[in-house]
C-alpha atoms as a PDB file:
ATOM      1  CA  MET A   1    -187.635 194.023 -12.199  1.00  0.00           C
ATOM      2  CA  GLN A   2    -189.087 194.878 -15.628  1.00  0.00           C
ATOM      3  CA  ARG A   3    -188.673 191.694 -17.621  1.00  0.00           C
ATOM      4  CA  LEU A   4    -187.884 191.513 -21.322  1.00  0.00           C
ATOM      5  CA  THR A   5    -190.281 189.313 -23.268  1.00  0.00           C
ATOM      6  CA  LEU A   6    -188.885 186.445 -25.305  1.00  0.00           C
ATOM      7  CA  LYS A   7    -190.201 188.089 -28.467  1.00  0.00           C
ATOM      8  CA  ARG A   8    -188.368 191.337 -27.629  1.00  0.00           C
ATOM      9  CA  ILE A   9    -185.112 189.504 -26.914  1.00  0.00           C
ATOM     10  CA  VAL A  10    -185.372 187.748 -30.267  1.00  0.00           C
ATOM     11  CA  GLN A  11    -186.037 191.078 -32.002  1.00  0.00           C
ATOM     12  CA  LEU A  12    -183.016 192.655 -30.322  1.00  0.00           C
ATOM     13  CA  THR A  13    -180.822 189.709 -31.276  1.00  0.00           C
ATOM     14  CA  VAL A  14    -181.903 189.887 -34.916  1.00  0.00           C
ATOM     15  CA  THR A  15    -181.501 193.656 -34.979  1.00  0.00           C
ATOM     16  CA  ALA A  16    -178.037 193.371 -33.501  1.00  0.00           C
ATOM     17  CA  ALA A  17    -176.974 190.876 -36.137  1.00  0.00           C
ATOM     18  CA  LEU A  18    -178.184 193.196 -38.885  1.00  0.00           C
ATOM     19  CA  MET A  19    -176.510 196.256 -37.386  1.00  0.00           C
ATOM     20  CA  ILE A  20    -173.071 194.690 -36.971  1.00  0.00           C
ATOM     21  CA  PRO A  21    -171.731 195.285 -40.527  1.00  0.00           C
ATOM     22  CA  ILE A  22    -173.106 198.857 -40.665  1.00  0.00           C
ATOM     23  CA  LEU A  23    -170.845 201.157 -38.677  1.00  0.00           C
ATOM     24  CA  ALA A  24    -169.327 204.583 -39.176  1.00  0.00           C
ATOM     25  CA  SER A  25    -166.940 207.003 -37.435  1.00  0.00           C
ATOM     26  CA  ALA A  26    -168.921 210.229 -38.078  1.00  0.00           C
ATOM     27  CA  ASP A  27    -172.616 210.994 -37.902  1.00  0.00           C
ATOM     28  CA  MET A  28    -174.133 208.910 -40.668  1.00  0.00           C
ATOM     29  CA  LEU A  29    -177.770 208.481 -41.625  1.00  0.00           C
ATOM     30  CA  LEU A  30    -178.886 205.168 -43.084  1.00  0.00           C
ATOM     31  CA  LYS A  31    -182.323 204.322 -44.432  1.00  0.00           C
ATOM     32  CA  GLN A  32    -183.463 200.720 -44.651  1.00  0.00           C
ATOM     33  CA  LYS A  33    -186.569 198.966 -45.962  1.00  0.00           C
ATOM     34  CA  HIS A  34    -187.803 196.324 -43.527  1.00  0.00           C
ATOM     35  CA  HIS A  35    -190.178 193.484 -44.305  1.00  0.00           C
ATOM     36  CA  GLN A  36    -191.480 190.773 -42.000  1.00  0.00           C
ATOM     37  CA  ASP A  37    -193.851 187.996 -43.001  1.00  0.00           C
ATOM     38  CA  ALA A  38    -196.772 187.127 -40.742  1.00  0.00           C
ATOM     39  CA  PHE A  39    -195.870 184.587 -38.039  1.00  0.00           C
ATOM     40  CA  THR A  40    -197.313 182.903 -34.967  1.00  0.00           C
ATOM     41  CA  MET A  41    -195.409 182.555 -31.692  1.00  0.00           C
ATOM     42  CA  MET A  42    -196.679 181.263 -28.347  1.00  0.00           C
ATOM     43  CA  GLY A  43    -200.229 181.241 -29.721  1.00  0.00           C
ATOM     44  CA  LYS A  44    -200.203 184.842 -30.899  1.00  0.00           C
ATOM     45  CA  THR A  45    -200.235 185.731 -34.592  1.00  0.00           C
ATOM     46  CA  GLN A  46    -198.381 188.795 -35.790  1.00  0.00           C
ATOM     47  CA  PRO A  47    -199.411 190.272 -39.162  1.00  0.00           C
ATOM     48  CA  ALA A  48    -196.978 190.963 -41.994  1.00  0.00           C
ATOM     49  CA  LYS A  49    -195.240 194.296 -41.677  1.00  0.00           C
ATOM     50  CA  ASP A  50    -193.412 196.697 -44.002  1.00  0.00           C
ATOM     51  CA  TYR A  51    -191.784 199.959 -43.003  1.00  0.00           C
ATOM     52  CA  THR A  52    -188.778 202.173 -43.683  1.00  0.00           C
ATOM     53  CA  GLY A  53    -186.407 202.516 -40.761  1.00  0.00           C
ATOM     54  CA  THR A  54    -183.681 205.067 -40.141  1.00  0.00           C
ATOM     55  CA  MET A  55    -180.410 204.669 -38.312  1.00  0.00           C
ATOM     56  CA  TRP A  56    -178.045 207.316 -36.997  1.00  0.00           C
ATOM     57  CA  ILE A  57    -174.523 206.180 -36.094  1.00  0.00           C
ATOM     58  CA  THR A  58    -171.563 207.996 -34.613  1.00  0.00           C
ATOM     59  CA  THR A  59    -168.370 207.038 -32.760  1.00  0.00           C
ATOM     60  CA  ASP A  60    -169.905 205.639 -29.583  1.00  0.00           C
ATOM     61  CA  LYS A  61    -173.641 206.002 -30.129  1.00  0.00           C
ATOM     62  CA  ALA A  62    -176.273 204.553 -32.445  1.00  0.00           C
ATOM     63  CA  ARG A  63    -180.026 204.939 -32.838  1.00  0.00           C
ATOM     64  CA  ASN A  64    -182.264 202.618 -34.834  1.00  0.00           C
ATOM     65  CA  ASP A  65    -185.851 203.783 -35.468  1.00  0.00           C
ATOM     66  CA  MET A  66    -188.129 200.856 -36.294  1.00  0.00           C
ATOM     67  CA  ASP A  67    -191.838 201.562 -36.768  1.00  0.00           C
ATOM     68  CA  ASP A  68    -193.226 202.519 -33.320  1.00  0.00           C
ATOM     69  CA  LYS A  69    -190.063 201.533 -31.423  1.00  0.00           C
ATOM     70  CA  SER A  70    -186.545 202.931 -31.297  1.00  0.00           C
ATOM     71  CA  THR A  71    -183.359 201.427 -29.907  1.00  0.00           C
ATOM     72  CA  ILE A  72    -180.498 203.636 -28.753  1.00  0.00           C
ATOM     73  CA  VAL A  73    -177.082 202.140 -28.004  1.00  0.00           C
ATOM     74  CA  ARG A  74    -174.736 204.203 -25.834  1.00  0.00           C
ATOM     75  CA  LEU A  75    -171.309 202.631 -25.653  1.00  0.00           C
ATOM     76  CA  ASP A  76    -170.134 205.620 -23.613  1.00  0.00           C
ATOM     77  CA  ARG A  77    -172.689 204.736 -20.916  1.00  0.00           C
ATOM     78  CA  ASN A  78    -172.720 200.963 -21.480  1.00  0.00           C
ATOM     79  CA  VAL A  79    -176.489 200.974 -21.909  1.00  0.00           C
ATOM     80  CA  MET A  80    -179.228 200.247 -24.438  1.00  0.00           C
ATOM     81  CA  ILE A  81    -182.335 202.451 -24.347  1.00  0.00           C
ATOM     82  CA  ILE A  82    -185.586 201.087 -25.797  1.00  0.00           C
ATOM     83  CA  LEU A  83    -188.210 203.715 -26.653  1.00  0.00           C
ATOM     84  CA  ASP A  84    -191.907 202.901 -26.989  1.00  0.00           C
ATOM     85  CA  HIS A  85    -193.373 205.817 -28.925  1.00  0.00           C
ATOM     86  CA  THR A  86    -196.954 204.581 -28.588  1.00  0.00           C
ATOM     87  CA  LYS A  87    -196.860 204.586 -24.788  1.00  0.00           C
ATOM     88  CA  LYS A  88    -194.246 207.353 -24.498  1.00  0.00           C
ATOM     89  CA  LYS A  89    -192.153 205.175 -22.225  1.00  0.00           C
ATOM     90  CA  TYR A  90    -188.581 203.933 -22.247  1.00  0.00           C
ATOM     91  CA  MET A  91    -186.437 201.298 -20.581  1.00  0.00           C
ATOM     92  CA  GLU A  92    -182.687 201.218 -20.003  1.00  0.00           C
ATOM     93  CA  ILE A  93    -180.923 197.863 -20.255  1.00  0.00           C
ATOM     94  CA  PRO A  94    -177.224 197.414 -19.402  1.00  0.00           C
ATOM     95  CA  LEU A  95    -175.145 196.096 -22.268  1.00  0.00           C
ATOM     96  CA  ASN A  96    -173.723 193.670 -19.712  1.00  0.00           C
ATOM     97  CA  PHE A  97    -177.242 192.259 -19.389  1.00  0.00           C
ATOM     98  CA  ALA A  98    -176.173 188.893 -17.981  1.00  0.00           C
ATOM     99  CA  GLU A  99    -174.157 190.369 -15.119  1.00  0.00           C
ATOM    100  CA  ALA A 100    -176.879 192.892 -14.317  1.00  0.00           C
ATOM    101  CA  ALA A 101    -179.534 190.161 -14.219  1.00  0.00           C
ATOM    102  CA  ALA A 102    -177.428 188.114 -11.821  1.00  0.00           C
ATOM    103  CA  LYS A 103    -176.871 191.122  -9.548  1.00  0.00           C
ATOM    104  CA  GLN A 104    -180.558 191.987  -9.615  1.00  0.00           C
ATOM    105  CA  ALA A 105    -181.455 188.439  -8.620  1.00  0.00           C
ATOM    106  CA  GLY A 106    -179.067 188.746  -5.693  1.00  0.00           C
ATOM    107  CA  LYS A 107    -180.867 191.918  -4.582  1.00  0.00           C
ATOM    108  CA  GLY A 108    -184.230 190.228  -4.611  1.00  0.00           C
ATOM    109  CA  GLY A 109    -185.238 191.538  -8.032  1.00  0.00           C
ATOM    110  CA  ALA A 110    -185.877 188.059  -9.452  1.00  0.00           C
ATOM    111  CA  SER A 111    -186.061 185.102  -7.103  1.00  0.00           C
ATOM    112  CA  GLU A 112    -185.686 181.453  -8.040  1.00  0.00           C
ATOM    113  CA  GLU A 113    -189.447 181.132  -7.637  1.00  0.00           C
ATOM    114  CA  GLU A 114    -190.019 183.976 -10.098  1.00  0.00           C
ATOM    115  CA  LEU A 115    -187.568 182.509 -12.584  1.00  0.00           C
ATOM    116  CA  ALA A 116    -189.363 179.152 -12.309  1.00  0.00           C
ATOM    117  CA  LYS A 117    -192.555 180.801 -13.554  1.00  0.00           C
ATOM    118  CA  LEU A 118    -190.917 181.956 -16.762  1.00  0.00           C
ATOM    119  CA  PRO A 119    -190.981 179.869 -19.969  1.00  0.00           C
ATOM    120  CA  GLU A 120    -188.137 177.376 -20.146  1.00  0.00           C
ATOM    121  CA  ALA A 121    -186.418 179.258 -22.967  1.00  0.00           C
ATOM    122  CA  MET A 122    -186.457 182.453 -20.904  1.00  0.00           C
ATOM    123  CA  ARG A 123    -185.091 180.660 -17.836  1.00  0.00           C
ATOM    124  CA  ASN A 124    -182.263 179.268 -19.905  1.00  0.00           C
ATOM    125  CA  LEU A 125    -181.449 182.739 -21.173  1.00  0.00           C
ATOM    126  CA  MET A 126    -181.473 184.282 -17.702  1.00  0.00           C
ATOM    127  CA  LYS A 127    -179.277 181.504 -16.326  1.00  0.00           C
ATOM    128  CA  GLY A 128    -176.759 181.730 -19.138  1.00  0.00           C
ATOM    129  CA  ALA A 129    -177.633 178.504 -20.927  1.00  0.00           C
ATOM    130  CA  MET A 130    -178.338 180.141 -24.283  1.00  0.00           C
ATOM    131  CA  LYS A 131    -175.629 179.265 -26.781  1.00  0.00           C
ATOM    132  CA  MET A 132    -175.180 180.512 -30.298  1.00  0.00           C
ATOM    133  CA  ASN A 133    -172.989 179.315 -33.141  1.00  0.00           C
ATOM    134  CA  VAL A 134    -172.531 181.427 -36.267  1.00  0.00           C
ATOM    135  CA  ALA A 135    -171.038 180.254 -39.559  1.00  0.00           C
ATOM    136  CA  VAL A 136    -170.488 182.563 -42.540  1.00  0.00           C
ATOM    137  CA  THR A 137    -169.650 181.275 -46.021  1.00  0.00           C
ATOM    138  CA  GLU A 138    -168.571 183.522 -48.874  1.00  0.00           C
ATOM    139  CA  THR A 139    -169.948 182.687 -52.328  1.00  0.00           C
ATOM    140  CA  ASN A 140    -168.984 183.684 -55.856  1.00  0.00           C
ATOM    141  CA  ASP A 141    -172.436 185.135 -56.576  1.00  0.00           C
ATOM    142  CA  THR A 142    -172.492 188.854 -57.321  1.00  0.00           C
ATOM    143  CA  LYS A 143    -175.099 191.388 -58.394  1.00  0.00           C
ATOM    144  CA  THR A 144    -175.834 195.099 -58.243  1.00  0.00           C
ATOM    145  CA  ILE A 145    -178.356 196.268 -55.635  1.00  0.00           C
ATOM    146  CA  ASN A 146    -179.385 199.930 -55.420  1.00  0.00           C
ATOM    147  CA  GLY A 147    -176.275 200.916 -57.358  1.00  0.00           C
ATOM    148  CA  TRP A 148    -173.828 198.994 -55.143  1.00  0.00           C
ATOM    149  CA  ASN A 149    -171.844 195.993 -56.398  1.00  0.00           C
ATOM    150  CA  CYS A 150    -172.591 193.191 -53.943  1.00  0.00           C
ATOM    151  CA  ARG A 151    -171.354 189.695 -53.134  1.00  0.00           C
ATOM    152  CA  LYS A 152    -173.527 187.033 -51.495  1.00  0.00           C
ATOM    153  CA  TYR A 153    -172.643 185.456 -48.161  1.00  0.00           C
ATOM    154  CA  LEU A 154    -174.523 182.650 -46.431  1.00  0.00           C
ATOM    155  CA  GLN A 155    -174.929 183.114 -42.686  1.00  0.00           C
ATOM    156  CA  LYS A 156    -176.172 180.325 -40.420  1.00  0.00           C
ATOM    157  CA  ILE A 157    -176.997 180.794 -36.746  1.00  0.00           C
ATOM    158  CA  GLU A 158    -177.717 177.860 -34.445  1.00  0.00           C
ATOM    159  CA  GLY A 159    -179.038 178.215 -30.914  1.00  0.00           C
ATOM    160  CA  MET A 160    -182.307 179.002 -29.173  1.00  0.00           C
ATOM    161  CA  MET A 161    -182.930 181.152 -32.231  1.00  0.00           C
ATOM    162  CA  SER A 162    -181.789 179.388 -35.390  1.00  0.00           C
ATOM    163  CA  SER A 163    -181.663 181.193 -38.701  1.00  0.00           C
ATOM    164  CA  GLN A 164    -180.309 181.085 -42.215  1.00  0.00           C
ATOM    165  CA  SER A 165    -179.594 184.302 -44.069  1.00  0.00           C
ATOM    166  CA  GLU A 166    -178.483 185.469 -47.478  1.00  0.00           C
ATOM    167  CA  VAL A 167    -176.370 188.561 -46.954  1.00  0.00           C
ATOM    168  CA  TRP A 168    -175.547 190.686 -49.980  1.00  0.00           C
ATOM    169  CA  ALA A 169    -172.687 192.962 -48.930  1.00  0.00           C
ATOM    170  CA  SER A 170    -170.746 195.649 -50.761  1.00  0.00           C
ATOM    171  CA  THR A 171    -167.400 197.360 -50.266  1.00  0.00           C
ATOM    172  CA  ASP A 172    -168.679 200.230 -52.430  1.00  0.00           C
ATOM    173  CA  VAL A 173    -170.539 201.678 -49.465  1.00  0.00           C
ATOM    174  CA  LYS A 174    -167.878 203.855 -47.889  1.00  0.00           C
ATOM    175  CA  LEU A 175    -168.423 203.458 -44.181  1.00  0.00           C
ATOM    176  CA  ASP A 176    -165.674 203.099 -41.600  1.00  0.00           C
ATOM    177  CA  ALA A 177    -165.799 199.617 -40.079  1.00  0.00           C
ATOM    178  CA  LYS A 178    -163.258 200.306 -37.290  1.00  0.00           C
ATOM    179  CA  LEU A 179    -165.997 200.252 -34.675  1.00  0.00           C
ATOM    180  CA  LEU A 180    -167.147 196.806 -35.784  1.00  0.00           C
ATOM    181  CA  ALA A 181    -165.459 194.951 -32.932  1.00  0.00           C
ATOM    182  CA  LYS A 182    -166.694 197.375 -30.255  1.00  0.00           C
ATOM    183  CA  PHE A 183    -170.317 197.387 -31.346  1.00  0.00           C
ATOM    184  CA  SER A 184    -170.562 193.676 -32.103  1.00  0.00           C
ATOM    185  CA  ALA A 185    -168.959 192.800 -28.766  1.00  0.00           C
ATOM    186  CA  ALA A 186    -171.407 195.097 -26.964  1.00  0.00           C
ATOM    187  CA  PHE A 187    -174.418 193.479 -28.599  1.00  0.00           C
ATOM    188  CA  MET A 188    -173.139 189.952 -28.129  1.00  0.00           C
ATOM    189  CA  ALA A 189    -172.410 190.619 -24.450  1.00  0.00           C
ATOM    190  CA  MET A 190    -176.162 190.931 -23.856  1.00  0.00           C
ATOM    191  CA  ASN A 191    -176.453 187.188 -24.508  1.00  0.00           C
ATOM    192  CA  PRO A 192    -175.273 185.352 -21.361  1.00  0.00           C
ATOM    193  CA  GLY A 193    -174.242 182.274 -23.332  1.00  0.00           C
ATOM    194  CA  LEU A 194    -171.864 183.954 -25.749  1.00  0.00           C
ATOM    195  CA  LYS A 195    -168.897 184.873 -23.567  1.00  0.00           C
ATOM    196  CA  GLU A 196    -166.894 181.742 -24.303  1.00  0.00           C
ATOM    197  CA  SER A 197    -167.540 181.815 -28.052  1.00  0.00           C
ATOM    198  CA  LEU A 198    -167.508 185.591 -28.612  1.00  0.00           C
ATOM    199  CA  GLY A 199    -164.127 185.558 -30.344  1.00  0.00           C
ATOM    200  CA  ASP A 200    -165.163 182.846 -32.795  1.00  0.00           C
ATOM    201  CA  LEU A 201    -168.432 184.639 -33.553  1.00  0.00           C
ATOM    202  CA  GLN A 202    -166.633 187.884 -34.333  1.00  0.00           C
ATOM    203  CA  LYS A 203    -164.230 186.069 -36.646  1.00  0.00           C
ATOM    204  CA  GLN A 204    -167.176 184.621 -38.555  1.00  0.00           C
ATOM    205  CA  MET A 205    -168.895 188.001 -38.892  1.00  0.00           C
ATOM    206  CA  GLU A 206    -165.649 189.562 -40.143  1.00  0.00           C
ATOM    207  CA  LYS A 207    -165.843 187.276 -43.185  1.00  0.00           C
ATOM    208  CA  ILE A 208    -168.573 189.563 -44.526  1.00  0.00           C
ATOM    209  CA  LYS A 209    -166.589 192.219 -46.360  1.00  0.00           C
ATOM    210  CA  GLY A 210    -168.144 195.624 -46.605  1.00  0.00           C
ATOM    211  CA  VAL A 211    -171.642 196.691 -45.648  1.00  0.00           C
ATOM    212  CA  ALA A 212    -174.765 194.539 -45.730  1.00  0.00           C
ATOM    213  CA  VAL A 213    -177.021 195.948 -48.458  1.00  0.00           C
ATOM    214  CA  LEU A 214    -179.697 193.240 -48.502  1.00  0.00           C
ATOM    215  CA  THR A 215    -180.215 190.571 -45.849  1.00  0.00           C
ATOM    216  CA  SER A 216    -182.963 187.953 -46.214  1.00  0.00           C
ATOM    217  CA  THR A 217    -183.472 185.754 -43.165  1.00  0.00           C
ATOM    218  CA  GLU A 218    -185.564 182.734 -42.211  1.00  0.00           C
ATOM    219  CA  SER A 219    -185.560 182.169 -38.457  1.00  0.00           C
ATOM    220  CA  THR A 220    -186.943 179.426 -36.251  1.00  0.00           C
ATOM    221  CA  VAL A 221    -187.821 180.248 -32.644  1.00  0.00           C
ATOM    222  CA  MET A 222    -189.685 177.778 -30.430  1.00  0.00           C
ATOM    223  CA  ASN A 223    -190.860 175.891 -33.553  1.00  0.00           C
ATOM    224  CA  SER A 224    -192.182 179.100 -35.114  1.00  0.00           C
ATOM    225  CA  LYS A 225    -190.780 180.266 -38.435  1.00  0.00           C
ATOM    226  CA  MET A 226    -190.226 183.917 -39.313  1.00  0.00           C
ATOM    227  CA  LYS A 227    -189.112 185.395 -42.629  1.00  0.00           C
ATOM    228  CA  SER A 228    -187.751 188.904 -42.829  1.00  0.00           C
ATOM    229  CA  SER A 229    -185.540 191.144 -44.933  1.00  0.00           C
ATOM    230  CA  VAL A 230    -183.634 194.395 -44.512  1.00  0.00           C
ATOM    231  CA  GLU A 231    -182.534 196.436 -47.533  1.00  0.00           C
ATOM    232  CA  LEU A 232    -180.188 199.427 -47.405  1.00  0.00           C
ATOM    233  CA  ILE A 233    -181.550 202.158 -49.680  1.00  0.00           C
ATOM    234  CA  GLU A 234    -179.649 205.300 -48.681  1.00  0.00           C
ATOM    235  CA  VAL A 235    -176.470 206.352 -46.856  1.00  0.00           C
ATOM    236  CA  LYS A 236    -175.379 209.916 -46.245  1.00  0.00           C
ATOM    237  CA  GLU A 237    -173.228 211.900 -43.841  1.00  0.00           C
ATOM    238  CA  GLY A 238    -174.752 214.678 -41.779  1.00  0.00           C
ATOM    239  CA  SER A 239    -175.325 216.136 -38.334  1.00  0.00           C
ATOM    240  CA  ALA A 240    -177.610 214.072 -36.141  1.00  0.00           C
ATOM    241  CA  PRO A 241    -180.545 216.030 -34.657  1.00  0.00           C
ATOM    242  CA  ALA A 242    -179.949 217.325 -31.137  1.00  0.00           C
ATOM    243  CA  GLY A 243    -180.967 214.821 -28.472  1.00  0.00           C
ATOM    244  CA  ILE A 244    -181.343 211.941 -30.947  1.00  0.00           C
ATOM    245  CA  TYR A 245    -179.267 209.657 -28.690  1.00  0.00           C
ATOM    246  CA  GLU A 246    -181.325 210.406 -25.567  1.00  0.00           C
ATOM    247  CA  ALA A 247    -184.777 209.422 -24.329  1.00  0.00           C
ATOM    248  CA  PRO A 248    -187.248 212.292 -24.863  1.00  0.00           C
ATOM    249  CA  ALA A 249    -187.788 214.403 -21.744  1.00  0.00           C
ATOM    250  CA  ASP A 250    -191.542 213.733 -21.733  1.00  0.00           C
ATOM    251  CA  TYR A 251    -191.159 209.924 -21.851  1.00  0.00           C
ATOM    252  CA  LYS A 252    -191.651 208.007 -18.611  1.00  0.00           C
ATOM    253  CA  LYS A 253    -188.889 205.677 -17.551  1.00  0.00           C
ATOM    254  CA  GLU A 254    -189.972 202.131 -16.792  1.00  0.00           C
ATOM    255  CA  LYS A 255    -188.329 200.265 -13.962  1.00  0.00           C
ATOM    256  CA  GLY A 256    -185.490 198.142 -15.275  1.00  0.00           C
ATOM    257  CA  PHE A 257    -182.253 196.915 -13.757  1.00  0.00           C
END
């Protein structure tokens, strides 16, 4: 079984949280400025990074291009596709990650001995012990960002990955949020520990009215601190390029679940 690294799981979790308020019913193109401070995790130091990412969203599909990686979410196929453009490889991960991991273990894909070799945090995740609590508080602070009138919300996440975020959201950005529940539920379902609290988490996220224009986050993972921000700079409707929601034909598929 191709294992996800802890760092990649954290990145997916953070990306999911940022994607939740940004949904549309037609093909929409969003451009976002990403910044990440330098940080050290598990003895490895990652340099600061800045890049402009693009996101295409439609009724049951989404693609997020981030530097040398892309993430495709296919609700119609119940799968997430992770593209590595440097290696020209891709991996498919079921959105019901927890159930798939359990089934794979039953087929000999990951034995108890193999799980025991993983870091404790990873073992907890695989066995469903990861829990997450989210609290969102609306404030009276307002300001204009990139031409959109925004209100500030404070978002606090507690769990294996703890974070505090300032979310500046605007109802001026005219995007259909009807798919919010479907997409957020799909992302959250990848975390084995969220099933019992999924309803409460969704209620908290629904407190953020409109679309997140600027999100500044400080996260703590395994005693390592990370600071990052995502800023929405452009939104427009259009036709997504052909094949944008598929893995390129010349990319090699890595063994997954």
